[in-house]
Every structure is written in structure tokens, then in C-alpha cells.
């Protein structure tokens, strides 16, 4: 966080860590798992360039938001919109946050869970992976995990869940590198790797953009 902005909002350095964890988990989240799909659609080189451009634009957007919040002495995105655009702007921002980011993020999480967890459950218990099992897993996890977490009033209390998510992402990356190490060392992947495919840009840009949007 910028030093001049820290002085405006009176956030103590010792209290930054939970917010950093929550924000980092919000940025990474499902987009981390979708990166292989984007690289496959655009190619390694083009996908890397789009990812870097999205990160840069996200950095600039956060910079502008922080400076605007400092200039207007506002601590929330909604109150900044109220100060800048008035009541209609604040209402539009709240609708966009609720309808697009929150609902869209929930749908993205459920899609990933529906694609991964039912097969895992079926493998562990020796069941057949069916649409009924997928529906049951989605309903159970939505009402026992996602719904209770969404009722928390203080977002700082979510840092434990965010920390666990970070460990999952790190473990996932380490496992992927471990299982792919033989192919990486042999060089057999080079002939099958696409470096540049412009036809996949429009399928990947939304995912790249969301990955660095700081959804919270």
C-alpha cells in the first residue's frame, strides 16, 4: 500500500497481513486454474504477453483508484463512486459489484468445483461420476462452505480461508511441475507447444483481465 495513502486511512502495518492475504487470494482465485486453458488457446508467447499487459493495466487501475480515494478521503469503492458520480453512480457500482463480480465469481467457483470435485469423490469412494453426483457436490459445498463464508461481516476473518487457498495453489503448482518434470527434461513438449495463436485472444482476454482485477 502506498505510504501517503496509509496515512490517510490509519491502517497499522501489523494489521496489513490479513488484508494482503485476502486481496491476493481474490486476485489469484479461479484465474490461476484457468491459466493453462488460456495458454493453450493463445499460445505460450501471446498468452504471456496478454497476461503481462493485463497485470500492467490492473496495476495502473489500482494506482488511480488509490489516488482518487486519497484525494476524496474515501475508504470504500462505493463511497468513492458516490463522491464522484453521485447517488446514481454509487447505485450502478453496487449493482455491478453484486451482479457481475460477486455472482460471477460464485459461478466461476462452482464451475471449477463441479469439474474437479465430483471426479475426485468418485475416485475415492469408487462411485460412478454422474450429473447427479455433480449436483449433490455443488449443493452441499455451496450451502456448507460458500454460504456461511459469505455471511461474515468482517472480511479480515476470512484470511484463514485465504491462507489455506494459497497453500492449495502452491501445492497444485508444485504437483504440476513434479508430474511434468519428465516431459520438460526430455524436451518432447516443444513439438506440441503452440507459441502464438491469435484466434484464441477473445476467449482468453476476459480471464486474463479478471485475474488481476482485485475483485474485492
Protein backbone atom coordinates (compact mmCIF):
# COMPACT_ATOMS: atom_id res chain seq x y z
CA UNK A 1 0.00 0.00 0.00
CA UNK A 2 1.24 3.49 -0.79
CA UNK A 3 2.78 5.35 2.20
CA UNK A 4 0.77 8.51 1.60
CA UNK A 5 -2.46 6.51 1.40
CA UNK A 6 -1.61 4.58 4.56
CA UNK A 7 -1.51 7.83 6.48
CA UNK A 8 -4.96 8.82 5.24
CA UNK A 9 -6.76 5.64 6.27
CA UNK A 10 -4.83 4.99 9.51
CA UNK A 11 -4.01 1.34 8.82
CA UNK A 12 -1.32 -0.05 11.07
CA UNK A 13 1.48 -2.08 9.44
CA UNK A 14 0.85 -5.02 11.76
CA UNK A 15 -2.73 -5.24 10.54
CA UNK A 16 -1.87 -5.33 6.84
CA UNK A 17 -1.20 -9.06 6.54
CA UNK A 18 -4.83 -10.35 6.63
CA UNK A 19 -5.85 -7.78 4.02
CA UNK A 20 -2.89 -8.70 1.81
CA UNK A 21 -3.81 -12.39 2.02
CA UNK A 22 -7.47 -11.74 1.20
CA UNK A 23 -6.62 -9.43 -1.68
CA UNK A 24 -4.04 -11.85 -3.08
CA UNK A 25 -6.48 -14.74 -2.92
CA UNK A 26 -9.10 -12.58 -4.61
CA UNK A 27 -6.70 -11.74 -7.43
CA UNK A 28 -5.41 -15.29 -7.95
CA UNK A 29 -8.51 -17.41 -7.14
CA UNK A 30 -10.01 -19.36 -10.03
CA UNK A 31 -7.99 -17.49 -12.65
CA UNK A 32 -4.90 -19.40 -11.53
CA UNK A 33 -6.56 -22.67 -12.50
CA UNK A 34 -7.71 -21.21 -15.83
CA UNK A 35 -4.25 -20.11 -16.99
CA UNK A 36 -3.41 -23.41 -18.73
CA UNK A 37 -6.59 -23.07 -20.78
CA UNK A 38 -5.65 -19.52 -21.80
CA UNK A 39 -2.13 -20.52 -22.75
CA UNK A 40 -3.49 -23.35 -24.85
CA UNK A 41 -5.90 -21.02 -26.64
CA UNK A 42 -3.38 -18.20 -27.34
CA UNK A 43 -0.04 -19.94 -27.26
CA UNK A 44 2.75 -19.53 -24.74
CA UNK A 45 4.23 -16.31 -26.12
CA UNK A 46 0.99 -14.48 -26.92
CA UNK A 47 -0.59 -15.68 -23.67
CA UNK A 48 2.37 -14.39 -21.67
CA UNK A 49 2.17 -11.01 -23.39
CA UNK A 50 -1.58 -10.75 -22.69
CA UNK A 51 -1.02 -11.76 -19.06
CA UNK A 52 1.69 -9.11 -18.63
CA UNK A 53 -0.50 -6.44 -20.27
CA UNK A 54 -3.44 -7.35 -18.01
CA UNK A 55 -1.19 -7.14 -14.94
CA UNK A 56 0.09 -3.73 -16.01
CA UNK A 57 -3.41 -2.37 -16.65
CA UNK A 58 -4.59 -3.74 -13.31
CA UNK A 59 -1.65 -2.07 -11.57
CA UNK A 60 -2.45 1.27 -13.22
CA UNK A 61 -6.15 0.95 -12.32
CA UNK A 62 -5.33 0.26 -8.66
CA UNK A 63 -2.94 3.20 -8.65
CA UNK A 64 -5.63 5.54 -9.98
CA UNK A 65 -8.22 4.23 -7.50
CA UNK A 66 -5.89 4.73 -4.54
CA UNK A 67 -5.00 8.26 -5.62
CA UNK A 68 -8.67 9.10 -6.20
CA UNK A 69 -9.58 7.69 -2.77
CA UNK A 70 -6.79 9.69 -1.16
CA UNK A 71 -7.85 12.91 -2.91
CA UNK A 72 -11.50 12.44 -1.89
CA UNK A 73 -10.71 10.96 1.55
CA UNK A 74 -12.87 7.89 0.88
CA UNK A 75 -12.14 4.39 2.10
CA UNK A 76 -14.56 2.31 0.01
CA UNK A 77 -15.19 1.97 -3.71
CA UNK A 78 -18.89 2.70 -3.25
CA UNK A 79 -18.31 5.96 -1.35
CA UNK A 80 -15.72 6.99 -3.92
CA UNK A 81 -18.34 6.47 -6.65
CA UNK A 82 -20.83 8.48 -4.57
CA UNK A 83 -18.37 11.34 -4.25
CA UNK A 84 -17.50 11.27 -7.96
CA UNK A 85 -20.75 10.40 -9.74
CA UNK A 86 -23.41 10.98 -7.10
CA UNK A 87 -26.15 8.60 -5.97
CA UNK A 88 -26.78 7.08 -9.46
CA UNK A 89 -23.08 6.26 -9.79
CA UNK A 90 -22.99 4.63 -6.36
CA UNK A 91 -26.07 2.56 -7.22
CA UNK A 92 -24.54 1.46 -10.54
CA UNK A 93 -21.28 0.45 -8.84
CA UNK A 94 -23.13 -1.57 -6.20
CA UNK A 95 -25.21 -3.33 -8.85
CA UNK A 96 -22.10 -4.14 -10.89
CA UNK A 97 -20.27 -5.47 -7.84
CA UNK A 98 -23.22 -7.63 -6.80
CA UNK A 99 -24.33 -8.84 -10.22
CA UNK A 100 -21.02 -9.15 -12.06
CA UNK A 101 -18.19 -9.68 -9.60
CA UNK A 102 -19.90 -11.45 -6.69
CA UNK A 103 -22.36 -13.54 -8.68
CA UNK A 104 -19.86 -14.13 -11.48
CA UNK A 105 -17.16 -15.15 -9.02
CA UNK A 106 -19.55 -17.55 -7.30
CA UNK A 107 -20.49 -19.11 -10.64
CA UNK A 108 -16.81 -19.47 -11.56
CA UNK A 109 -16.01 -21.21 -8.28
CA UNK A 110 -18.95 -23.57 -8.66
CA UNK A 111 -17.96 -24.40 -12.23
CA UNK A 112 -14.43 -25.29 -11.13
CA UNK A 113 -15.74 -27.31 -8.19
CA UNK A 114 -18.21 -29.09 -10.46
CA UNK A 115 -15.44 -30.02 -12.89
CA UNK A 116 -12.92 -31.22 -10.31
CA UNK A 117 -14.50 -32.38 -7.05
CA UNK A 118 -17.10 -34.92 -8.33
CA UNK A 119 -14.40 -36.90 -10.17
CA UNK A 120 -12.26 -36.82 -7.04
CA UNK A 121 -15.13 -38.01 -4.85
CA UNK A 122 -15.99 -40.75 -7.36
CA UNK A 123 -12.38 -41.95 -7.41
CA UNK A 124 -12.06 -42.01 -3.61
CA UNK A 125 -15.32 -43.87 -2.95
CA UNK A 126 -15.38 -45.97 -6.13
CA UNK A 127 -18.58 -44.38 -7.42
CA UNK A 128 -19.55 -43.50 -10.94
CA UNK A 129 -19.13 -39.83 -11.81
CA UNK A 130 -22.61 -38.74 -12.87
CA UNK A 131 -24.53 -35.47 -13.18
CA UNK A 132 -26.44 -36.38 -10.01
CA UNK A 133 -23.18 -36.63 -8.07
CA UNK A 134 -22.05 -33.30 -9.55
CA UNK A 135 -25.31 -31.62 -8.50
CA UNK A 136 -25.11 -33.10 -5.00
CA UNK A 137 -21.50 -31.94 -4.52
CA UNK A 138 -22.33 -28.43 -5.74
CA UNK A 139 -25.34 -28.09 -3.44
CA UNK A 140 -23.52 -29.44 -0.39
CA UNK A 141 -20.43 -27.26 -0.85
CA UNK A 142 -22.48 -24.18 -1.74
CA UNK A 143 -24.60 -24.37 1.43
CA UNK A 144 -21.96 -25.69 3.86
CA UNK A 145 -18.90 -23.70 2.70
CA UNK A 146 -19.66 -20.79 0.35
CA UNK A 147 -22.88 -19.60 2.02
CA UNK A 148 -21.54 -19.44 5.63
CA UNK A 149 -18.39 -17.64 4.46
CA UNK A 150 -20.46 -15.08 2.54
CA UNK A 151 -22.36 -14.18 5.74
CA UNK A 152 -19.25 -12.94 7.52
CA UNK A 153 -19.41 -9.19 8.12
CA UNK A 154 -15.69 -8.71 8.72
CA UNK A 155 -13.62 -9.67 5.67
CA UNK A 156 -10.49 -9.80 7.83
CA UNK A 157 -11.81 -13.01 9.39
CA UNK A 158 -11.52 -14.73 6.00
CA UNK A 159 -7.72 -14.58 6.00
CA UNK A 160 -7.52 -18.12 7.38
CA UNK A 161 -9.51 -19.47 4.44
CA UNK A 162 -7.49 -17.33 2.03
CA UNK A 163 -4.24 -18.67 3.50
CA UNK A 164 -5.45 -22.24 3.03
CA UNK A 165 -6.35 -21.40 -0.57
CA UNK A 166 -2.85 -20.04 -1.16
CA UNK A 167 -1.33 -23.28 0.11
CA UNK A 168 -3.62 -25.18 -2.25
CA UNK A 169 -2.47 -23.10 -5.24
CA UNK A 170 1.18 -23.60 -4.31
CA UNK A 171 0.68 -27.35 -3.83
CA UNK A 172 -1.14 -27.55 -7.15
CA UNK A 173 1.72 -25.77 -8.96
CA UNK A 174 4.35 -27.98 -7.29
CA UNK A 175 2.47 -31.16 -8.22
CA UNK A 176 2.08 -30.00 -11.82
CA UNK A 177 5.82 -29.32 -12.06
CA UNK A 178 6.57 -32.70 -10.49
CA UNK A 179 4.41 -34.69 -12.90
CA UNK A 180 5.59 -32.66 -15.88
CA UNK A 181 9.29 -32.79 -14.98
CA UNK A 182 10.00 -35.83 -17.18
CA UNK A 183 8.48 -34.20 -20.25
CA UNK A 184 10.23 -30.90 -19.51
CA UNK A 185 13.64 -32.54 -19.20
CA UNK A 186 13.21 -34.66 -22.34
CA UNK A 187 12.12 -31.71 -24.48
CA UNK A 188 9.30 -33.72 -26.07
CA UNK A 189 6.85 -30.93 -25.30
CA UNK A 190 8.48 -28.49 -27.74
CA UNK A 191 6.99 -30.06 -30.87
CA UNK A 192 3.44 -29.93 -29.47
CA UNK A 193 3.61 -26.44 -27.96
CA UNK A 194 1.84 -23.56 -29.68
CA UNK A 195 3.66 -20.27 -29.27
CA UNK A 196 1.25 -17.88 -31.00
CA UNK A 197 -2.44 -18.34 -31.85
CA UNK A 198 -4.36 -15.09 -32.33
CA UNK A 199 -7.67 -16.93 -32.79
CA UNK A 200 -7.89 -17.52 -29.03
CA UNK A 201 -7.46 -13.90 -27.93
CA UNK A 202 -11.13 -13.13 -27.37
CA UNK A 203 -11.63 -16.36 -25.40
CA UNK A 204 -8.72 -15.58 -23.11
CA UNK A 205 -8.79 -11.81 -22.58
CA UNK A 206 -11.74 -11.93 -20.11
CA UNK A 207 -9.92 -14.50 -17.98
CA UNK A 208 -6.62 -12.62 -18.11
CA UNK A 209 -8.37 -9.36 -17.24
CA UNK A 210 -10.28 -10.85 -14.31
CA UNK A 211 -7.13 -12.47 -12.94
CA UNK A 212 -5.66 -9.08 -11.97
CA UNK A 213 -8.85 -7.10 -11.33
CA UNK A 214 -8.65 -7.22 -7.50
CA UNK A 215 -12.26 -8.34 -7.19
CA UNK A 216 -12.62 -7.29 -3.54
